[in-house]
């Protein structure tokens, strides 16, 4: 069973009547109800690992570029 955080119970609970859903942005999620109070619950699942590795590589390259610009500015002020 899938677990998620119930806003009514204020703790993690198991979900019943679960359905796999795709959001408008393309992320996968699980929709269901709390086992104890029957409140609707919604859990967004993590993205694919292949997509995550591509995102981290692009962020690292942007950071190195910004550092080199800062070092040029500090040299020109001296």
Protein backbone atom coordinates (compact mmCIF):
# COMPACT_ATOMS: atom_id res chain seq x y z
CA UNK A 1 0.00 0.00 0.00
CA UNK A 2 1.01 3.58 -0.58
CA UNK A 3 1.58 5.92 2.34
CA UNK A 4 1.10 9.67 2.39
CA UNK A 5 0.59 12.55 4.79
CA UNK A 6 -3.05 13.04 5.86
CA UNK A 7 -3.86 16.70 6.51
CA UNK A 8 -6.78 15.83 8.80
CA UNK A 9 -5.01 13.20 10.95
CA UNK A 10 -1.74 15.22 10.90
CA UNK A 11 0.42 12.11 10.36
CA UNK A 12 1.46 9.59 7.73
CA UNK A 13 -1.28 7.11 6.93
CA UNK A 14 -1.85 4.31 4.45
CA UNK A 15 -3.95 5.09 1.40
CA UNK A 16 -6.88 3.02 0.09
CA UNK A 17 -8.68 3.22 -3.28
CA UNK A 18 -5.47 4.39 -4.94
CA UNK A 19 -5.20 5.43 -8.58
CA UNK A 20 -2.10 6.30 -10.60
CA UNK A 21 -2.53 9.74 -12.16
CA UNK A 22 -0.47 11.99 -14.47
CA UNK A 23 -0.48 15.73 -13.67
CA UNK A 24 -0.75 18.55 -16.21
CA UNK A 25 3.03 19.03 -16.08
CA UNK A 26 3.65 15.35 -16.84
CA UNK A 27 4.67 14.18 -13.36
CA UNK A 28 3.23 10.95 -12.01
CA UNK A 29 1.20 10.90 -8.79
CA UNK A 30 -1.00 8.64 -6.66
CA UNK A 31 -4.49 9.70 -5.65
CA UNK A 32 -6.44 7.94 -2.89
CA UNK A 33 -8.13 8.17 0.50
CA UNK A 34 -6.90 7.97 4.10
CA UNK A 35 -7.47 4.55 5.66
CA UNK A 36 -8.81 6.00 8.95
CA UNK A 37 -10.77 9.16 8.12
CA UNK A 38 -11.47 8.72 4.35
CA UNK A 39 -10.01 12.17 3.53
CA UNK A 40 -8.72 12.57 -0.02
CA UNK A 41 -4.94 12.29 -0.29
CA UNK A 42 -2.55 13.07 -3.13
CA UNK A 43 1.13 12.01 -3.33
CA UNK A 44 3.43 13.29 -6.08
CA UNK A 45 6.02 10.68 -7.08
CA UNK A 46 9.68 11.52 -7.86
CA UNK A 47 10.77 12.09 -11.45
CA UNK A 48 12.85 9.59 -13.43
CA UNK A 49 16.48 9.30 -12.37
CA UNK A 50 17.66 9.83 -15.96
CA UNK A 51 15.97 13.24 -16.11
CA UNK A 52 17.38 14.20 -12.69
CA UNK A 53 20.97 13.48 -13.73
CA UNK A 54 20.60 15.71 -16.81
CA UNK A 55 19.24 18.55 -14.67
CA UNK A 56 22.09 18.41 -12.15
CA UNK A 57 24.73 18.47 -14.89
CA UNK A 58 23.28 21.61 -16.47
CA UNK A 59 23.04 23.38 -13.10
CA UNK A 60 26.69 22.67 -12.28
CA UNK A 61 27.88 24.17 -15.56
CA UNK A 62 25.91 27.38 -14.91
CA UNK A 63 27.46 27.75 -11.45
CA UNK A 64 31.02 27.53 -12.77
CA UNK A 65 30.30 30.27 -15.33
CA UNK A 66 28.94 32.63 -12.68
CA UNK A 67 32.00 32.11 -10.47
CA UNK A 68 34.37 33.03 -13.27
CA UNK A 69 32.46 36.28 -13.91
CA UNK A 70 32.70 37.23 -10.24
CA UNK A 71 36.45 36.68 -10.16
CA UNK A 72 36.91 38.98 -13.17
CA UNK A 73 34.92 41.74 -11.48
CA UNK A 74 36.97 41.57 -8.30
CA UNK A 75 40.24 41.78 -10.25
CA UNK A 76 39.12 44.89 -12.13
CA UNK A 77 38.21 46.71 -8.90
CA UNK A 78 41.71 46.28 -7.46
